[in-house]
Amino acid sequence: MGFFNAFISKGSSKDVAKDRLRTILVHDRTNVYPQYMDMLKNDIVKAISDYAEIDPQDVEIKIDNASRSSNTSMPELVANVPIKRMKNIGK
């Protein structure tokens, strides 16, 4: 539920409203729909599962706003993938 955590925040109402609007704008600009995020998560889980043992239910991904300089920002993909153990990949 990482996306919804952005809407539950402490601080001044001005800062909370600003953060909420920023999150909505990032998702809107990147045209990210829930189905797309699910497909993206499934592809990430498949790729990482080749090398590490993970629980797909624990994987969280989100699109966030990353500042590149004082005047520009761009969306970034943030993935939280808890790894149980690395797999032995034989050559």
PDB file of N, CA and C in Angstrom:
ATOM      1  N   MET A   1       0.798  -1.183   0.000  1.00  0.00           N
ATOM      2  CA  MET A   1       0.000   0.000   0.000  1.00  0.00           C
ATOM      3  C   MET A   1       0.850   1.260   0.000  1.00  0.00           C
ATOM      4  N   GLY A   2       2.030   1.186  -0.557  1.00  0.00           N
ATOM      5  CA  GLY A   2       2.941   2.316  -0.554  1.00  0.00           C
ATOM      6  C   GLY A   2       2.357   3.566  -1.183  1.00  0.00           C
ATOM      7  N   PHE A   3       1.590   3.416  -2.235  1.00  0.00           N
ATOM      8  CA  PHE A   3       1.002   4.572  -2.899  1.00  0.00           C
ATOM      9  C   PHE A   3       0.100   5.338  -1.939  1.00  0.00           C
ATOM     10  N   PHE A   4      -0.685   4.618  -1.132  1.00  0.00           N
ATOM     11  CA  PHE A   4      -1.617   5.271  -0.233  1.00  0.00           C
ATOM     12  C   PHE A   4      -0.927   5.874   0.982  1.00  0.00           C
ATOM     13  N   ASN A   5       0.276   5.404   1.311  1.00  0.00           N
ATOM     14  CA  ASN A   5       1.012   5.991   2.428  1.00  0.00           C
ATOM     15  C   ASN A   5       1.333   7.455   2.171  1.00  0.00           C
ATOM     16  N   ALA A   6       1.426   7.838   0.929  1.00  0.00           N
ATOM     17  CA  ALA A   6       1.705   9.237   0.601  1.00  0.00           C
ATOM     18  C   ALA A   6       0.557  10.143   1.023  1.00  0.00           C
ATOM     19  N   PHE A   7      -0.625   9.555   1.190  1.00  0.00           N
ATOM     20  CA  PHE A   7      -1.782  10.348   1.565  1.00  0.00           C
ATOM     21  C   PHE A   7      -1.985  10.405   3.080  1.00  0.00           C
ATOM     22  N   ILE A   8      -1.208   9.627   3.818  1.00  0.00           N
ATOM     23  CA  ILE A   8      -1.285   9.642   5.271  1.00  0.00           C
ATOM     24  C   ILE A   8       0.039  10.196   5.761  1.00  0.00           C
ATOM     25  N   SER A   9       0.026  11.430   6.182  1.00  0.00           N
ATOM     26  CA  SER A   9       1.269  12.083   6.529  1.00  0.00           C
ATOM     27  C   SER A   9       1.050  13.037   7.678  1.00  0.00           C
ATOM     28  N   LYS A  10       2.133  13.321   8.386  1.00  0.00           N
ATOM     29  CA  LYS A  10       2.088  14.310   9.445  1.00  0.00           C
ATOM     30  C   LYS A  10       2.810  15.540   8.955  1.00  0.00           C
ATOM     31  N   GLY A  11       2.436  16.672   9.489  1.00  0.00           N
ATOM     32  CA  GLY A  11       3.043  17.916   9.075  1.00  0.00           C
ATOM     33  C   GLY A  11       1.957  18.932   8.817  1.00  0.00           C
ATOM     34  N   SER A  12       2.368  20.076   8.332  1.00  0.00           N
ATOM     35  CA  SER A  12       1.386  21.120   8.067  1.00  0.00           C
ATOM     36  C   SER A  12       0.480  20.690   6.926  1.00  0.00           C
ATOM     37  N   SER A  13      -0.744  21.176   6.950  1.00  0.00           N
ATOM     38  CA  SER A  13      -1.693  20.792   5.904  1.00  0.00           C
ATOM     39  C   SER A  13      -1.214  21.267   4.537  1.00  0.00           C
ATOM     40  N   LYS A  14      -0.479  22.376   4.511  1.00  0.00           N
ATOM     41  CA  LYS A  14       0.074  22.868   3.242  1.00  0.00           C
ATOM     42  C   LYS A  14       1.067  21.862   2.663  1.00  0.00           C
ATOM     43  N   ASP A  15       1.980  21.350   3.510  1.00  0.00           N
ATOM     44  CA  ASP A  15       2.973  20.382   3.049  1.00  0.00           C
ATOM     45  C   ASP A  15       2.330  19.062   2.640  1.00  0.00           C
ATOM     46  N   VAL A  16       1.332  18.635   3.399  1.00  0.00           N
ATOM     47  CA  VAL A  16       0.634  17.387   3.077  1.00  0.00           C
ATOM     48  C   VAL A  16      -0.066  17.523   1.728  1.00  0.00           C
ATOM     49  N   ALA A  17      -0.762  18.632   1.520  1.00  0.00           N
ATOM     50  CA  ALA A  17      -1.463  18.852   0.246  1.00  0.00           C
ATOM     51  C   ALA A  17      -0.478  18.918  -0.916  1.00  0.00           C
ATOM     52  N   LYS A  18       0.657  19.558  -0.697  1.00  0.00           N
ATOM     53  CA  LYS A  18       1.679  19.669  -1.742  1.00  0.00           C
ATOM     54  C   LYS A  18       2.223  18.289  -2.114  1.00  0.00           C
ATOM     55  N   ASP A  19       2.507  17.446  -1.118  1.00  0.00           N
ATOM     56  CA  ASP A  19       3.009  16.095  -1.377  1.00  0.00           C
ATOM     57  C   ASP A  19       1.975  15.242  -2.104  1.00  0.00           C
ATOM     58  N   ARG A  20       0.725  15.364  -1.707  1.00  0.00           N
ATOM     59  CA  ARG A  20      -0.342  14.601  -2.365  1.00  0.00           C
ATOM     60  C   ARG A  20      -0.476  15.006  -3.827  1.00  0.00           C
ATOM     61  N   LEU A  21      -0.465  16.295  -4.074  1.00  0.00           N
ATOM     62  CA  LEU A  21      -0.570  16.774  -5.447  1.00  0.00           C
ATOM     63  C   LEU A  21       0.620  16.324  -6.283  1.00  0.00           C
ATOM     64  N   ARG A  22       1.817  16.388  -5.724  1.00  0.00           N
ATOM     65  CA  ARG A  22       3.021  15.946  -6.432  1.00  0.00           C
ATOM     66  C   ARG A  22       2.913  14.475  -6.809  1.00  0.00           C
ATOM     67  N   THR A  23       2.444  13.642  -5.892  1.00  0.00           N
ATOM     68  CA  THR A  23       2.288  12.204  -6.157  1.00  0.00           C
ATOM     69  C   THR A  23       1.280  11.969  -7.272  1.00  0.00           C
ATOM     70  N   ILE A  24       0.158  12.662  -7.212  1.00  0.00           N
ATOM     71  CA  ILE A  24      -0.868  12.506  -8.248  1.00  0.00           C
ATOM     72  C   ILE A  24      -0.344  12.960  -9.602  1.00  0.00           C
ATOM     73  N   LEU A  25       0.374  14.067  -9.641  1.00  0.00           N
ATOM     74  CA  LEU A  25       0.917  14.565 -10.906  1.00  0.00           C
ATOM     75  C   LEU A  25       1.945  13.611 -11.505  1.00  0.00           C
ATOM     76  N   VAL A  26       2.795  13.028 -10.667  1.00  0.00           N
ATOM     77  CA  VAL A  26       3.792  12.068 -11.174  1.00  0.00           C
ATOM     78  C   VAL A  26       3.088  10.887 -11.821  1.00  0.00           C
ATOM     79  N   HIS A  27       2.081  10.337 -11.163  1.00  0.00           N
ATOM     80  CA  HIS A  27       1.362   9.198 -11.727  1.00  0.00           C
ATOM     81  C   HIS A  27       0.616   9.598 -12.997  1.00  0.00           C
ATOM     82  N   ASP A  28       0.064  10.785 -13.011  1.00  0.00           N
ATOM     83  CA  ASP A  28      -0.658  11.257 -14.189  1.00  0.00           C
ATOM     84  C   ASP A  28       0.282  11.480 -15.373  1.00  0.00           C
ATOM     85  N   ARG A  29       1.431  12.091 -15.130  1.00  0.00           N
ATOM     86  CA  ARG A  29       2.385  12.370 -16.213  1.00  0.00           C
ATOM     87  C   ARG A  29       2.965  11.112 -16.825  1.00  0.00           C
ATOM     88  N   THR A  30       3.126  10.086 -16.024  1.00  0.00           N
ATOM     89  CA  THR A  30       3.713   8.852 -16.538  1.00  0.00           C
ATOM     90  C   THR A  30       2.662   7.897 -17.082  1.00  0.00           C
ATOM     91  N   ASN A  31       1.392   8.299 -17.025  1.00  0.00           N
ATOM     92  CA  ASN A  31       0.291   7.455 -17.502  1.00  0.00           C
ATOM     93  C   ASN A  31       0.345   6.053 -16.908  1.00  0.00           C
ATOM     94  N   VAL A  32       0.565   5.993 -15.604  1.00  0.00           N
ATOM     95  CA  VAL A  32       0.677   4.711 -14.913  1.00  0.00           C
ATOM     96  C   VAL A  32      -0.696   4.304 -14.390  1.00  0.00           C
ATOM     97  N   TYR A  33      -1.167   3.194 -14.869  1.00  0.00           N
ATOM     98  CA  TYR A  33      -2.439   2.662 -14.438  1.00  0.00           C
ATOM     99  C   TYR A  33      -2.177   1.437 -13.568  1.00  0.00           C
ATOM    100  N   PRO A  34      -3.107   1.081 -12.690  1.00  0.00           N
ATOM    101  CA  PRO A  34      -2.891  -0.074 -11.812  1.00  0.00           C
ATOM    102  C   PRO A  34      -2.532  -1.355 -12.568  1.00  0.00           C
ATOM    103  N   GLN A  35      -3.157  -1.580 -13.731  1.00  0.00           N
ATOM    104  CA  GLN A  35      -2.851  -2.788 -14.506  1.00  0.00           C
ATOM    105  C   GLN A  35      -1.396  -2.764 -14.980  1.00  0.00           C
ATOM    106  N   TYR A  36      -0.922  -1.601 -15.380  1.00  0.00           N
ATOM    107  CA  TYR A  36       0.463  -1.449 -15.826  1.00  0.00           C
ATOM    108  C   TYR A  36       1.420  -1.728 -14.675  1.00  0.00           C
ATOM    109  N   MET A  37       1.103  -1.207 -13.499  1.00  0.00           N
ATOM    110  CA  MET A  37       1.964  -1.438 -12.333  1.00  0.00           C
ATOM    111  C   MET A  37       1.993  -2.924 -11.989  1.00  0.00           C
ATOM    112  N   ASP A  38       0.856  -3.612 -12.110  1.00  0.00           N
ATOM    113  CA  ASP A  38       0.828  -5.056 -11.847  1.00  0.00           C
ATOM    114  C   ASP A  38       1.695  -5.813 -12.845  1.00  0.00           C
ATOM    115  N   MET A  39       1.608  -5.449 -14.125  1.00  0.00           N
ATOM    116  CA  MET A  39       2.433  -6.112 -15.147  1.00  0.00           C
ATOM    117  C   MET A  39       3.917  -5.844 -14.889  1.00  0.00           C
ATOM    118  N   LEU A  40       4.246  -4.623 -14.547  1.00  0.00           N
ATOM    119  CA  LEU A  40       5.626  -4.252 -14.260  1.00  0.00           C
ATOM    120  C   LEU A  40       6.150  -5.034 -13.057  1.00  0.00           C
ATOM    121  N   LYS A  41       5.339  -5.129 -12.002  1.00  0.00           N
ATOM    122  CA  LYS A  41       5.736  -5.883 -10.809  1.00  0.00           C
ATOM    123  C   LYS A  41       5.964  -7.358 -11.161  1.00  0.00           C
ATOM    124  N   ASN A  42       5.071  -7.947 -11.947  1.00  0.00           N
ATOM    125  CA  ASN A  42       5.222  -9.358 -12.329  1.00  0.00           C
ATOM    126  C   ASN A  42       6.507  -9.584 -13.117  1.00  0.00           C
ATOM    127  N   ASP A  43       6.838  -8.678 -14.026  1.00  0.00           N
ATOM    128  CA  ASP A  43       8.074  -8.810 -14.804  1.00  0.00           C
ATOM    129  C   ASP A  43       9.309  -8.681 -13.914  1.00  0.00           C
ATOM    130  N   ILE A  44       9.272  -7.761 -12.962  1.00  0.00           N
ATOM    131  CA  ILE A  44      10.397  -7.593 -12.033  1.00  0.00           C
ATOM    132  C   ILE A  44      10.554  -8.840 -11.178  1.00  0.00           C
ATOM    133  N   VAL A  45       9.445  -9.373 -10.670  1.00  0.00           N
ATOM    134  CA  VAL A  45       9.488 -10.588  -9.849  1.00  0.00           C
ATOM    135  C   VAL A  45      10.078 -11.751 -10.649  1.00  0.00           C
ATOM    136  N   LYS A  46       9.644 -11.913 -11.913  1.00  0.00           N
ATOM    137  CA  LYS A  46      10.177 -13.001 -12.755  1.00  0.00           C
ATOM    138  C   LYS A  46      11.677 -12.861 -12.959  1.00  0.00           C
ATOM    139  N   ALA A  47      12.137 -11.661 -13.248  1.00  0.00           N
ATOM    140  CA  ALA A  47      13.562 -11.441 -13.512  1.00  0.00           C
ATOM    141  C   ALA A  47      14.407 -11.681 -12.264  1.00  0.00           C
ATOM    142  N   ILE A  48      13.987 -11.164 -11.142  1.00  0.00           N
ATOM    143  CA  ILE A  48      14.775 -11.310  -9.914  1.00  0.00           C
ATOM    144  C   ILE A  48      14.726 -12.748  -9.404  1.00  0.00           C
ATOM    145  N   SER A  49      13.603 -13.433  -9.631  1.00  0.00           N
ATOM    146  CA  SER A  49      13.463 -14.819  -9.171  1.00  0.00           C
ATOM    147  C   SER A  49      14.454 -15.769  -9.823  1.00  0.00           C
ATOM    148  N   ASP A  50      15.011 -15.399 -10.969  1.00  0.00           N
ATOM    149  CA  ASP A  50      16.043 -16.219 -11.602  1.00  0.00           C
ATOM    150  C   ASP A  50      17.317 -16.253 -10.768  1.00  0.00           C
ATOM    151  N   TYR A  51      17.530 -15.244  -9.951  1.00  0.00           N
ATOM    152  CA  TYR A  51      18.783 -15.096  -9.206  1.00  0.00           C
ATOM    153  C   TYR A  51      18.627 -15.140  -7.688  1.00  0.00           C
ATOM    154  N   ALA A  52      17.414 -14.889  -7.202  1.00  0.00           N
ATOM    155  CA  ALA A  52      17.213 -14.833  -5.759  1.00  0.00           C
ATOM    156  C   ALA A  52      15.857 -15.406  -5.396  1.00  0.00           C
ATOM    157  N   GLU A  53      15.780 -15.956  -4.191  1.00  0.00           N
ATOM    158  CA  GLU A  53      14.509 -16.445  -3.680  1.00  0.00           C
ATOM    159  C   GLU A  53      13.803 -15.273  -2.998  1.00  0.00           C
ATOM    160  N   ILE A  54      12.616 -14.959  -3.495  1.00  0.00           N
ATOM    161  CA  ILE A  54      11.846 -13.840  -2.959  1.00  0.00           C
ATOM    162  C   ILE A  54      10.397 -14.266  -2.783  1.00  0.00           C
ATOM    163  N   ASP A  55       9.656 -13.521  -1.984  1.00  0.00           N
ATOM    164  CA  ASP A  55       8.216 -13.728  -1.854  1.00  0.00           C
ATOM    165  C   ASP A  55       7.538 -12.632  -2.665  1.00  0.00           C
ATOM    166  N   PRO A  56       6.867 -12.982  -3.752  1.00  0.00           N
ATOM    167  CA  PRO A  56       6.243 -11.973  -4.609  1.00  0.00           C
ATOM    168  C   PRO A  56       5.261 -11.066  -3.860  1.00  0.00           C
ATOM    169  N   GLN A  57       4.669 -11.578  -2.786  1.00  0.00           N
ATOM    170  CA  GLN A  57       3.722 -10.774  -2.013  1.00  0.00           C
ATOM    171  C   GLN A  57       4.410  -9.633  -1.269  1.00  0.00           C
ATOM    172  N   ASP A  58       5.722  -9.768  -1.021  1.00  0.00           N
ATOM    173  CA  ASP A  58       6.472  -8.744  -0.278  1.00  0.00           C
ATOM    174  C   ASP A  58       7.063  -7.664  -1.180  1.00  0.00           C
ATOM    175  N   VAL A  59       6.981  -7.851  -2.488  1.00  0.00           N
ATOM    176  CA  VAL A  59       7.574  -6.892  -3.426  1.00  0.00           C
ATOM    177  C   VAL A  59       6.666  -5.671  -3.544  1.00  0.00           C
ATOM    178  N   GLU A  60       7.275  -4.494  -3.399  1.00  0.00           N
ATOM    179  CA  GLU A  60       6.534  -3.243  -3.537  1.00  0.00           C
ATOM    180  C   GLU A  60       7.223  -2.395  -4.603  1.00  0.00           C
ATOM    181  N   ILE A  61       6.441  -1.850  -5.514  1.00  0.00           N
ATOM    182  CA  ILE A  61       6.999  -0.914  -6.494  1.00  0.00           C
ATOM    183  C   ILE A  61       6.132   0.335  -6.522  1.00  0.00           C
ATOM    184  N   LYS A  62       6.764   1.448  -6.853  1.00  0.00           N
ATOM    185  CA  LYS A  62       6.016   2.687  -6.974  1.00  0.00           C
ATOM    186  C   LYS A  62       6.763   3.622  -7.910  1.00  0.00           C
ATOM    187  N   ILE A  63       6.042   4.556  -8.440  1.00  0.00           N
ATOM    188  CA  ILE A  63       6.628   5.618  -9.245  1.00  0.00           C
ATOM    189  C   ILE A  63       6.696   6.838  -8.333  1.00  0.00           C
ATOM    190  N   ASP A  64       7.871   7.418  -8.224  1.00  0.00           N
ATOM    191  CA  ASP A  64       8.080   8.555  -7.340  1.00  0.00           C
ATOM    192  C   ASP A  64       8.686   9.701  -8.135  1.00  0.00           C
ATOM    193  N   ASN A  65       8.784  10.838  -7.528  1.00  0.00           N
ATOM    194  CA  ASN A  65       9.346  12.016  -8.176  1.00  0.00           C
ATOM    195  C   ASN A  65      10.765  12.219  -7.664  1.00  0.00           C
ATOM    196  N   ALA A  66      11.743  12.185  -8.536  1.00  0.00           N
ATOM    197  CA  ALA A  66      13.138  12.365  -8.152  1.00  0.00           C
ATOM    198  C   ALA A  66      13.637  13.697  -8.676  1.00  0.00           C
ATOM    199  N   SER A  67      14.154  14.513  -7.795  1.00  0.00           N
ATOM    200  CA  SER A  67      14.714  15.801  -8.217  1.00  0.00           C
ATOM    201  C   SER A  67      16.104  15.574  -8.787  1.00  0.00           C
ATOM    202  N   ARG A  68      16.332  16.083  -9.975  1.00  0.00           N
ATOM    203  CA  ARG A  68      17.636  15.951 -10.631  1.00  0.00           C
ATOM    204  C   ARG A  68      18.468  17.217 -10.456  1.00  0.00           C
ATOM    205  N   SER A  69      17.820  18.326 -10.288  1.00  0.00           N
ATOM    206  CA  SER A  69      18.483  19.596 -10.010  1.00  0.00           C
ATOM    207  C   SER A  69      17.451  20.486  -9.344  1.00  0.00           C
ATOM    208  N   SER A  70      17.824  21.703  -9.068  1.00  0.00           N
ATOM    209  CA  SER A  70      16.886  22.582  -8.375  1.00  0.00           C
ATOM    210  C   SER A  70      15.658  22.912  -9.215  1.00  0.00           C
ATOM    211  N   ASN A  71      15.751  22.802 -10.526  1.00  0.00           N
ATOM    212  CA  ASN A  71      14.634  23.194 -11.390  1.00  0.00           C
ATOM    213  C   ASN A  71      13.932  22.041 -12.083  1.00  0.00           C
ATOM    214  N   THR A  72      14.522  20.861 -12.093  1.00  0.00           N
ATOM    215  CA  THR A  72      13.915  19.761 -12.840  1.00  0.00           C
ATOM    216  C   THR A  72      13.672  18.559 -11.936  1.00  0.00           C
ATOM    217  N   SER A  73      12.681  17.800 -12.305  1.00  0.00           N
ATOM    218  CA  SER A  73      12.411  16.534 -11.643  1.00  0.00           C
ATOM    219  C   SER A  73      11.875  15.580 -12.688  1.00  0.00           C
ATOM    220  N   MET A  74      12.022  14.315 -12.414  1.00  0.00           N
ATOM    221  CA  MET A  74      11.517  13.312 -13.331  1.00  0.00           C
ATOM    222  C   MET A  74      11.081  12.095 -12.530  1.00  0.00           C
ATOM    223  N   PRO A  75      10.158  11.319 -13.075  1.00  0.00           N
ATOM    224  CA  PRO A  75       9.701  10.145 -12.349  1.00  0.00           C
ATOM    225  C   PRO A  75      10.793   9.087 -12.267  1.00  0.00           C
ATOM    226  N   GLU A  76      10.782   8.346 -11.154  1.00  0.00           N
ATOM    227  CA  GLU A  76      11.700   7.224 -10.999  1.00  0.00           C
ATOM    228  C   GLU A  76      10.923   6.034 -10.469  1.00  0.00           C
ATOM    229  N   LEU A  77      11.372   4.854 -10.851  1.00  0.00           N
ATOM    230  CA  LEU A  77      10.771   3.622 -10.372  1.00  0.00           C
ATOM    231  C   LEU A  77      11.520   3.204  -9.117  1.00  0.00           C
ATOM    232  N   VAL A  78      10.765   2.989  -8.041  1.00  0.00           N
ATOM    233  CA  VAL A  78      11.355   2.562  -6.772  1.00  0.00           C
ATOM    234  C   VAL A  78      10.815   1.170  -6.480  1.00  0.00           C
ATOM    235  N   ALA A  79      11.713   0.201  -6.292  1.00  0.00           N
ATOM    236  CA  ALA A  79      11.315  -1.171  -6.002  1.00  0.00           C
ATOM    237  C   ALA A  79      11.920  -1.617  -4.677  1.00  0.00           C
ATOM    238  N   ASN A  80      11.073  -2.170  -3.832  1.00  0.00           N
ATOM    239  CA  ASN A  80      11.507  -2.742  -2.574  1.00  0.00           C
ATOM    240  C   ASN A  80      11.309  -4.249  -2.687  1.00  0.00           C
ATOM    241  N   VAL A  81      12.426  -4.994  -2.765  1.00  0.00           N
ATOM    242  CA  VAL A  81      12.364  -6.428  -2.989  1.00  0.00           C
ATOM    243  C   VAL A  81      13.155  -7.135  -1.889  1.00  0.00           C
ATOM    244  N   PRO A  82      12.485  -7.571  -0.815  1.00  0.00           N
ATOM    245  CA  PRO A  82      13.197  -8.322   0.225  1.00  0.00           C
ATOM    246  C   PRO A  82      13.671  -9.672  -0.323  1.00  0.00           C
ATOM    247  N   ILE A  83      14.950  -9.963  -0.143  1.00  0.00           N
ATOM    248  CA  ILE A  83      15.551 -11.199  -0.656  1.00  0.00           C
ATOM    249  C   ILE A  83      15.719 -12.178   0.489  1.00  0.00           C
ATOM    250  N   LYS A  84      15.147 -13.383   0.330  1.00  0.00           N
ATOM    251  CA  LYS A  84      15.293 -14.429   1.345  1.00  0.00           C
ATOM    252  C   LYS A  84      16.690 -15.029   1.286  1.00  0.00           C
ATOM    253  N   ARG A  85      17.108 -15.366   0.075  1.00  0.00           N
ATOM    254  CA  ARG A  85      18.461 -15.888  -0.126  1.00  0.00           C
ATOM    255  C   ARG A  85      18.790 -15.832  -1.608  1.00  0.00           C
ATOM    256  N   MET A  86      20.068 -15.763  -1.911  1.00  0.00           N
ATOM    257  CA  MET A  86      20.522 -15.786  -3.302  1.00  0.00           C
ATOM    258  C   MET A  86      20.585 -17.235  -3.759  1.00  0.00           C
ATOM    259  N   LYS A  87      20.259 -17.471  -5.009  1.00  0.00           N
ATOM    260  CA  LYS A  87      20.308 -18.821  -5.572  1.00  0.00           C
ATOM    261  C   LYS A  87      21.719 -19.115  -6.057  1.00  0.00           C
ATOM    262  N   ASN A  88      22.095 -20.376  -6.003  1.00  0.00           N
ATOM    263  CA  ASN A  88      23.377 -20.805  -6.572  1.00  0.00           C
ATOM    264  C   ASN A  88      23.194 -20.967  -8.064  1.00  0.00           C
ATOM    265  N   ILE A  89      23.852 -20.133  -8.813  1.00  0.00           N
ATOM    266  CA  ILE A  89      23.765 -20.171 -10.270  1.00  0.00           C
ATOM    267  C   ILE A  89      25.031 -20.868 -10.766  1.00  0.00           C
ATOM    268  N   GLY A  90      24.850 -22.060 -11.295  1.00  0.00           N
ATOM    269  CA  GLY A  90      25.992 -22.814 -11.822  1.00  0.00           C
ATOM    270  C   GLY A  90      26.338 -22.412 -13.224  1.00  0.00           C
ATOM    271  N   LYS A  91      27.621 -22.464 -13.530  1.00  0.00           N
ATOM    272  CA  LYS A  91      28.066 -22.115 -14.885  1.00  0.00           C
ATOM    273  C   LYS A  91      28.205 -23.340 -15.732  1.00  0.00           C
TER     274      LYS A  91
END
